[in-house]
């Protein structure tokens, strides 16, 4: 009863709970929070209880730089919860931030995203973490549907709409029509795997040890999936594996491209398989209007051009690839209020 009454003091929110970033959409206000899905914790007491000392950007800046007794934690891996307690604390922290003027009484209704490839148990864990963080209701929505809504695709019409979402932990593709998902396919392979491939390439080619943050910097600065008119280079600093001393090397975009090529090929195979399973009439629509590319890792240089060549259809980049899912969740909250009929794969739980 208390949570029901407290709903009067809070705004409904949508949470894109990603492996790399958490984006919060507040109904009536839009996107209010965009932070890395990272926490910094320290152990307190003899039982090793963990106390969170930083969330988001401050915590991310600590990665690889913490003293003894403090560690950084990424509670989500490949789009699913790896550390339940830390996920609950992170969701609760940002829910409070989204309802900052009503923090003590806020128990909002929450729409939260999960990859299409997760199991029912993994969905239930997301619901439990959200309710445990203080939500009065939790709607779990599959990411491809939210991404399609957020990019403005006319998914309620009787025609095929194809969306490809490449994030930090998962890559997903879905074909939608008449308000529902016709075909979907997912890989637990995405931006984090690009980073790991770059780390492995640096070790193999240069006997240089680098961290996740440095690999991410290399990916964004010089990463590409097609040959560039003028290949890019940058200096990379790390520790020499041979003598343990600091070392600086110059790395080219061609080397990075070669390192991430196997991952790109896996994503292309996922797209081909999805099209093979799609009914011919919907494929015709996709040929006419193309597919929409969204997600943080979709911004890799040349990705839209390469997918267009591989799939033989136009590829359009979403206007706000980082925020498409969160915007879609906001639109979904509006449809729930209006009572619109939309065939969504949604888990709905209350307390």
Protein backbone atom coordinates (compact mmCIF):
# COMPACT_ATOMS: atom_id res chain seq x y z
CA UNK A 1 0.00 0.00 0.00
CA UNK A 2 2.84 2.39 0.85
CA UNK A 3 4.50 1.81 -2.52
CA UNK A 4 1.19 2.37 -4.30
CA UNK A 5 0.72 5.72 -2.55
CA UNK A 6 4.36 6.63 -3.10
CA UNK A 7 3.78 6.23 -6.84
CA UNK A 8 1.99 9.58 -6.64
CA UNK A 9 5.33 11.18 -5.73
CA UNK A 10 7.42 9.69 -8.53
CA UNK A 11 7.69 9.73 -12.30
CA UNK A 12 7.68 6.56 -14.40
CA UNK A 13 11.12 5.81 -15.76
CA UNK A 14 12.73 3.63 -18.43
CA UNK A 15 16.16 2.11 -17.80
CA UNK A 16 18.46 0.84 -20.53
CA UNK A 17 20.53 -1.44 -18.32
CA UNK A 18 23.51 -2.14 -20.55
CA UNK A 19 26.80 -3.92 -19.94
CA UNK A 20 28.72 -0.72 -20.77
CA UNK A 21 26.28 2.10 -19.92
CA UNK A 22 23.08 2.73 -18.01
CA UNK A 23 20.73 5.29 -19.57
CA UNK A 24 17.66 6.53 -17.70
CA UNK A 25 14.60 8.08 -19.36
CA UNK A 26 12.20 9.95 -17.09
CA UNK A 27 8.63 10.31 -18.31
CA UNK A 28 7.90 13.93 -19.15
CA UNK A 29 11.57 14.96 -18.95
CA UNK A 30 13.45 12.71 -21.40
CA UNK A 31 16.93 11.28 -20.86
CA UNK A 32 18.35 12.49 -17.56
CA UNK A 33 21.17 10.03 -16.82
CA UNK A 34 23.87 8.49 -19.02
CA UNK A 35 26.59 6.80 -16.96
CA UNK A 36 28.97 3.84 -17.32
CA UNK A 37 27.71 0.64 -15.67
CA UNK A 38 30.62 0.61 -13.23
CA UNK A 39 30.88 0.81 -9.45
CA UNK A 40 33.86 1.23 -7.15
CA UNK A 41 33.62 -0.71 -3.87
CA UNK A 42 35.69 -1.30 -0.78
CA UNK A 43 35.48 -4.06 1.79
CA UNK A 44 34.46 -3.06 5.31
CA UNK A 45 34.40 -5.15 8.45
CA UNK A 46 35.75 -8.61 9.12
CA UNK A 47 33.07 -10.32 6.99
CA UNK A 48 34.20 -8.57 3.82
CA UNK A 49 30.98 -6.64 3.26
CA UNK A 50 31.20 -4.37 0.22
CA UNK A 51 30.52 -0.64 0.43
CA UNK A 52 29.98 1.34 -2.78
CA UNK A 53 32.12 4.48 -2.87
CA UNK A 54 31.54 5.63 -6.47
CA UNK A 55 29.13 5.12 -9.36
CA UNK A 56 29.38 5.80 -13.09
CA UNK A 57 32.05 8.13 -14.48
CA UNK A 58 34.03 8.53 -11.20
CA UNK A 59 34.12 4.73 -10.83
CA UNK A 60 35.17 4.21 -14.45
CA UNK A 61 38.12 6.56 -14.00
CA UNK A 62 39.33 4.25 -11.22
CA UNK A 63 39.50 1.12 -13.41
CA UNK A 64 42.99 -0.35 -13.19
CA UNK A 65 44.13 2.36 -10.76
CA UNK A 66 42.70 1.29 -7.40
CA UNK A 67 44.78 0.69 -4.23
CA UNK A 68 44.57 -2.43 -2.10
CA UNK A 69 41.11 -2.85 -0.61
CA UNK A 70 39.22 -1.03 -3.38
CA UNK A 71 38.02 -2.61 -6.61
CA UNK A 72 35.93 -1.63 -9.59
CA UNK A 73 32.97 -3.81 -10.51
CA UNK A 74 30.94 -4.15 -13.69
CA UNK A 75 27.82 -5.89 -12.37
CA UNK A 76 26.49 -6.74 -15.83
CA UNK A 77 28.30 -8.97 -18.30
CA UNK A 78 27.00 -9.71 -21.82
CA UNK A 79 23.72 -8.00 -20.97
CA UNK A 80 22.90 -10.13 -17.90
CA UNK A 81 23.42 -9.72 -14.18
CA UNK A 82 26.76 -11.03 -12.96
CA UNK A 83 26.57 -9.46 -9.46
CA UNK A 84 23.00 -9.19 -8.15
CA UNK A 85 23.69 -7.04 -5.06
CA UNK A 86 25.78 -4.52 -7.00
CA UNK A 87 23.16 -4.33 -9.78
CA UNK A 88 20.43 -3.64 -7.22
CA UNK A 89 22.49 -0.87 -5.64
CA UNK A 90 23.31 0.67 -9.02
CA UNK A 91 19.67 0.63 -10.19
CA UNK A 92 18.53 2.07 -6.85
CA UNK A 93 21.12 4.85 -7.04
CA UNK A 94 20.02 5.99 -10.49
CA UNK A 95 16.32 5.58 -9.73
CA UNK A 96 16.80 7.95 -6.81
CA UNK A 97 18.71 10.34 -9.04
CA UNK A 98 15.92 10.30 -11.61
CA UNK A 99 13.38 11.33 -8.93
CA UNK A 100 15.74 13.64 -7.05
CA UNK A 101 13.11 16.01 -5.73
CA UNK A 102 11.02 13.13 -4.37
CA UNK A 103 13.85 10.83 -3.35
CA UNK A 104 12.50 9.60 -0.01
CA UNK A 105 9.01 8.82 -1.29
CA UNK A 106 9.84 7.76 -4.85
CA UNK A 107 8.78 4.25 -5.87
CA UNK A 108 8.36 4.62 -9.63
CA UNK A 109 7.01 2.28 -12.24
CA UNK A 110 10.01 1.09 -14.25
CA UNK A 111 10.38 -0.28 -17.77
CA UNK A 112 13.77 -1.96 -18.05
CA UNK A 113 15.49 -3.62 -21.01
CA UNK A 114 17.14 -6.99 -21.40
CA UNK A 115 18.74 -8.63 -24.47
CA UNK A 116 16.45 -10.91 -26.47
CA UNK A 117 18.80 -13.84 -25.83
CA UNK A 118 18.38 -13.94 -22.04
CA UNK A 119 16.68 -16.83 -20.26
CA UNK A 120 13.55 -16.56 -18.10
CA UNK A 121 15.73 -16.92 -15.01
CA UNK A 122 17.90 -14.02 -16.14
CA UNK A 123 14.80 -11.91 -16.82
CA UNK A 124 13.51 -12.72 -13.35
CA UNK A 125 16.82 -11.58 -11.85
CA UNK A 126 16.42 -8.19 -13.55
CA UNK A 127 12.86 -7.87 -12.21
CA UNK A 128 13.96 -8.81 -8.68
CA UNK A 129 16.87 -6.35 -8.75
CA UNK A 130 14.60 -3.54 -9.95
CA UNK A 131 11.92 -4.23 -7.34
CA UNK A 132 14.59 -4.61 -4.67
CA UNK A 133 15.93 -1.21 -5.65
CA UNK A 134 12.56 0.38 -4.84
CA UNK A 135 10.37 0.17 -7.94
CA UNK A 136 6.66 -0.45 -7.32
CA UNK A 137 6.26 -2.16 -10.71
CA UNK A 138 8.79 -3.58 -13.19
CA UNK A 139 8.25 -4.17 -16.91
CA UNK A 140 10.98 -6.16 -18.63
CA UNK A 141 11.18 -5.42 -22.36
CA UNK A 142 13.40 -6.98 -25.02
CA UNK A 143 15.97 -4.55 -26.39
CA UNK A 144 15.26 -4.92 -30.13
CA UNK A 145 11.66 -3.85 -29.64
CA UNK A 146 12.63 -0.82 -27.54
CA UNK A 147 15.38 0.09 -30.03
CA UNK A 148 12.90 -0.06 -32.94
CA UNK A 149 10.47 2.19 -31.08
CA UNK A 150 13.28 4.59 -30.19
CA UNK A 151 14.49 4.91 -33.77
CA UNK A 152 11.00 5.76 -34.97
CA UNK A 153 10.36 2.64 -37.07
CA UNK A 154 6.65 2.18 -37.93
CA UNK A 155 6.47 -1.21 -36.24
CA UNK A 156 2.66 -1.16 -35.92
CA UNK A 157 2.22 -1.22 -39.69
CA UNK A 158 1.95 -4.47 -41.70
CA UNK A 159 5.44 -4.27 -43.15
CA UNK A 160 8.89 -5.51 -42.24
CA UNK A 161 11.15 -3.32 -40.11
CA UNK A 162 14.67 -4.53 -39.36
CA UNK A 163 16.77 -3.15 -36.51
CA UNK A 164 20.33 -4.11 -35.54
CA UNK A 165 21.49 -3.15 -32.04
CA UNK A 166 25.22 -3.51 -31.26
CA UNK A 167 25.99 -2.59 -27.68
CA UNK A 168 28.69 -3.32 -25.16
CA UNK A 169 27.79 -6.91 -24.26
CA UNK A 170 25.38 -8.13 -26.94
CA UNK A 171 24.59 -7.76 -30.63
CA UNK A 172 20.96 -8.22 -31.64
CA UNK A 173 18.86 -8.17 -34.78
CA UNK A 174 15.08 -8.22 -35.05
CA UNK A 175 12.46 -8.02 -37.76
CA UNK A 176 9.23 -6.43 -36.55
CA UNK A 177 5.75 -6.08 -38.02
CA UNK A 178 2.27 -5.28 -36.68
CA UNK A 179 3.65 -4.26 -33.30
CA UNK A 180 5.55 -7.46 -32.56
CA UNK A 181 8.81 -9.31 -33.14
CA UNK A 182 8.63 -11.72 -36.09
CA UNK A 183 12.25 -12.89 -36.03
CA UNK A 184 15.06 -12.10 -33.59
CA UNK A 185 18.60 -13.31 -33.15
CA UNK A 186 21.28 -12.43 -30.61
CA UNK A 187 24.96 -12.86 -29.90
CA UNK A 188 26.70 -12.31 -26.60
CA UNK A 189 29.43 -10.68 -28.63
CA UNK A 190 29.83 -6.92 -29.06
CA UNK A 191 31.88 -3.90 -28.00
CA UNK A 192 33.54 -5.57 -25.00
CA UNK A 193 34.81 -8.31 -27.30
CA UNK A 194 36.30 -5.66 -29.62
CA UNK A 195 38.24 -4.36 -26.61
CA UNK A 196 39.44 -7.85 -25.65
CA UNK A 197 40.55 -8.51 -29.23
CA UNK A 198 42.60 -5.30 -29.21
CA UNK A 199 44.20 -6.27 -25.89
CA UNK A 200 45.14 -9.69 -27.31
CA UNK A 201 46.53 -8.10 -30.50
CA UNK A 202 48.76 -5.75 -28.49
CA UNK A 203 50.13 -8.65 -26.48
CA UNK A 204 50.81 -10.76 -29.55
CA UNK A 205 52.18 -8.10 -31.91
CA UNK A 206 54.03 -5.85 -29.48
CA UNK A 207 54.35 -7.83 -26.21
CA UNK A 208 52.52 -4.86 -24.67
CA UNK A 209 50.06 -5.20 -21.81
CA UNK A 210 47.22 -2.66 -21.79
CA UNK A 211 43.98 -2.34 -19.85
CA UNK A 212 40.32 -2.19 -20.86
CA UNK A 213 40.19 1.61 -20.84
CA UNK A 214 43.19 1.91 -23.16
CA UNK A 215 41.73 -0.71 -25.53
CA UNK A 216 38.45 1.21 -25.63
CA UNK A 217 40.36 4.40 -26.44
CA UNK A 218 42.15 2.66 -29.32
CA UNK A 219 38.82 1.32 -30.64
CA UNK A 220 37.14 4.72 -30.72
CA UNK A 221 40.15 6.68 -31.98
CA UNK A 222 41.34 4.49 -34.86
CA UNK A 223 39.00 1.46 -35.05
CA UNK A 224 37.40 0.67 -38.43
CA UNK A 225 35.87 -2.28 -40.29
CA UNK A 226 36.67 -1.17 -43.85
CA UNK A 227 39.93 0.14 -45.39
CA UNK A 228 40.23 3.90 -44.96
CA UNK A 229 41.40 6.36 -47.60
CA UNK A 230 44.09 7.35 -45.13
CA UNK A 231 44.82 4.84 -42.39
CA UNK A 232 44.92 6.25 -38.86
CA UNK A 233 47.63 5.80 -36.24
CA UNK A 234 48.01 6.50 -32.54
CA UNK A 235 50.50 5.96 -29.75
CA UNK A 236 49.59 3.29 -27.23
CA UNK A 237 51.24 3.16 -23.82
CA UNK A 238 51.48 0.16 -21.56
CA UNK A 239 53.83 -2.31 -19.87
CA UNK A 240 56.36 -4.37 -21.81
CA UNK A 241 55.73 -8.05 -21.11
CA UNK A 242 59.40 -8.88 -21.71
CA UNK A 243 61.10 -6.63 -19.16
CA UNK A 244 58.17 -5.14 -17.23
CA UNK A 245 59.10 -1.56 -18.12
CA UNK A 246 56.86 1.15 -19.62
CA UNK A 247 56.65 1.04 -23.39
CA UNK A 248 55.13 3.16 -26.17
CA UNK A 249 54.24 1.82 -29.62
CA UNK A 250 52.43 3.20 -32.67
CA UNK A 251 49.42 1.20 -33.82
CA UNK A 252 47.54 1.58 -37.11
CA UNK A 253 43.84 1.27 -37.88
CA UNK A 254 44.69 -1.62 -40.23
CA UNK A 255 46.01 -3.66 -37.29
CA UNK A 256 42.93 -2.92 -35.21
CA UNK A 257 40.70 -3.87 -38.15
CA UNK A 258 42.46 -7.22 -38.50
CA UNK A 259 42.08 -7.88 -34.75
CA UNK A 260 38.31 -7.32 -34.66
CA UNK A 261 37.55 -8.95 -38.03
CA UNK A 262 36.50 -12.35 -36.57
CA UNK A 263 33.95 -10.61 -34.35
CA UNK A 264 32.51 -8.61 -37.27
CA UNK A 265 32.19 -11.85 -39.29
CA UNK A 266 30.18 -13.43 -36.46
CA UNK A 267 27.79 -10.47 -36.40
CA UNK A 268 27.40 -10.68 -40.19
CA UNK A 269 26.52 -14.38 -39.89
CA UNK A 270 23.86 -13.46 -37.32
CA UNK A 271 22.33 -10.95 -39.75
CA UNK A 272 22.32 -13.44 -42.63
CA UNK A 273 20.66 -16.09 -40.51
CA UNK A 274 17.94 -13.65 -39.42
CA UNK A 275 17.16 -12.76 -43.04
CA UNK A 276 17.07 -16.45 -44.00
CA UNK A 277 14.39 -17.02 -41.35
CA UNK A 278 12.32 -13.96 -42.33
CA UNK A 279 9.16 -14.45 -44.46
CA UNK A 280 9.69 -13.35 -48.11
CA UNK A 281 7.11 -10.55 -48.02
CA UNK A 282 8.90 -8.95 -45.07
CA UNK A 283 12.28 -9.37 -46.80
CA UNK A 284 10.84 -7.42 -49.72
CA UNK A 285 10.03 -4.55 -47.34
CA UNK A 286 13.55 -4.65 -45.89
CA UNK A 287 15.03 -4.46 -49.40
CA UNK A 288 12.90 -1.37 -50.08
CA UNK A 289 13.53 0.54 -46.86
CA UNK A 290 16.70 -1.03 -45.48
CA UNK A 291 17.68 -1.69 -41.87
CA UNK A 292 18.41 0.65 -38.97
CA UNK A 293 21.68 0.38 -37.06
CA UNK A 294 21.79 1.45 -33.42
CA UNK A 295 23.75 0.90 -30.19
CA UNK A 296 27.02 2.40 -28.95
CA UNK A 297 29.31 0.04 -30.86
CA UNK A 298 27.42 0.65 -34.12
CA UNK A 299 29.40 3.89 -34.43
CA UNK A 300 32.55 2.01 -35.42
CA UNK A 301 33.94 3.51 -38.62
CA UNK A 302 32.56 1.97 -41.79
CA UNK A 303 30.14 -0.43 -40.10
CA UNK A 304 27.03 0.83 -41.91
CA UNK A 305 28.85 0.75 -45.27
CA UNK A 306 30.09 -2.80 -44.71
CA UNK A 307 26.71 -4.14 -43.60
CA UNK A 308 25.08 -2.51 -46.62
CA UNK A 309 27.49 -4.33 -48.94
CA UNK A 310 27.12 -7.65 -47.12
CA UNK A 311 23.32 -7.57 -46.84
CA UNK A 312 22.65 -5.84 -50.18
CA UNK A 313 20.18 -3.41 -48.55
CA UNK A 314 20.39 0.24 -47.46
CA UNK A 315 21.66 0.73 -43.90
CA UNK A 316 20.59 3.79 -41.92
CA UNK A 317 22.28 4.95 -38.73
CA UNK A 318 19.89 5.91 -35.93
CA UNK A 319 19.89 9.61 -35.05
CA UNK A 320 20.81 8.84 -31.42
CA UNK A 321 22.33 5.36 -31.43
CA UNK A 322 23.33 5.49 -27.77
CA UNK A 323 19.85 6.47 -26.61
CA UNK A 324 17.50 4.61 -28.96
CA UNK A 325 16.61 1.93 -26.41
CA UNK A 326 15.93 4.42 -23.60
CA UNK A 327 13.80 6.61 -25.88
CA UNK A 328 11.87 3.50 -26.95
CA UNK A 329 11.20 2.64 -23.31
CA UNK A 330 9.81 6.14 -22.80
CA UNK A 331 7.45 5.66 -25.75
CA UNK A 332 6.42 2.26 -24.38
CA UNK A 333 5.46 3.82 -21.04
CA UNK A 334 3.21 6.23 -22.95
CA UNK A 335 1.49 3.37 -24.82
CA UNK A 336 0.86 1.54 -21.54
CA UNK A 337 -0.93 4.61 -20.19
CA UNK A 338 -3.03 5.01 -23.32
CA UNK A 339 -3.90 1.31 -23.38
CA UNK A 340 -2.59 0.88 -26.91
CA UNK A 341 -2.42 -2.68 -28.17
CA UNK A 342 1.16 -3.60 -28.93
CA UNK A 343 2.41 -7.18 -29.09
CA UNK A 344 5.37 -6.84 -26.78
CA UNK A 345 7.34 -9.56 -25.04
CA UNK A 346 7.04 -8.12 -21.56
CA UNK A 347 7.39 -9.54 -18.08
CA UNK A 348 5.24 -7.62 -15.62
CA UNK A 349 5.75 -7.92 -11.87
CA UNK A 350 4.58 -5.94 -8.90
CA UNK A 351 4.97 -5.94 -5.17
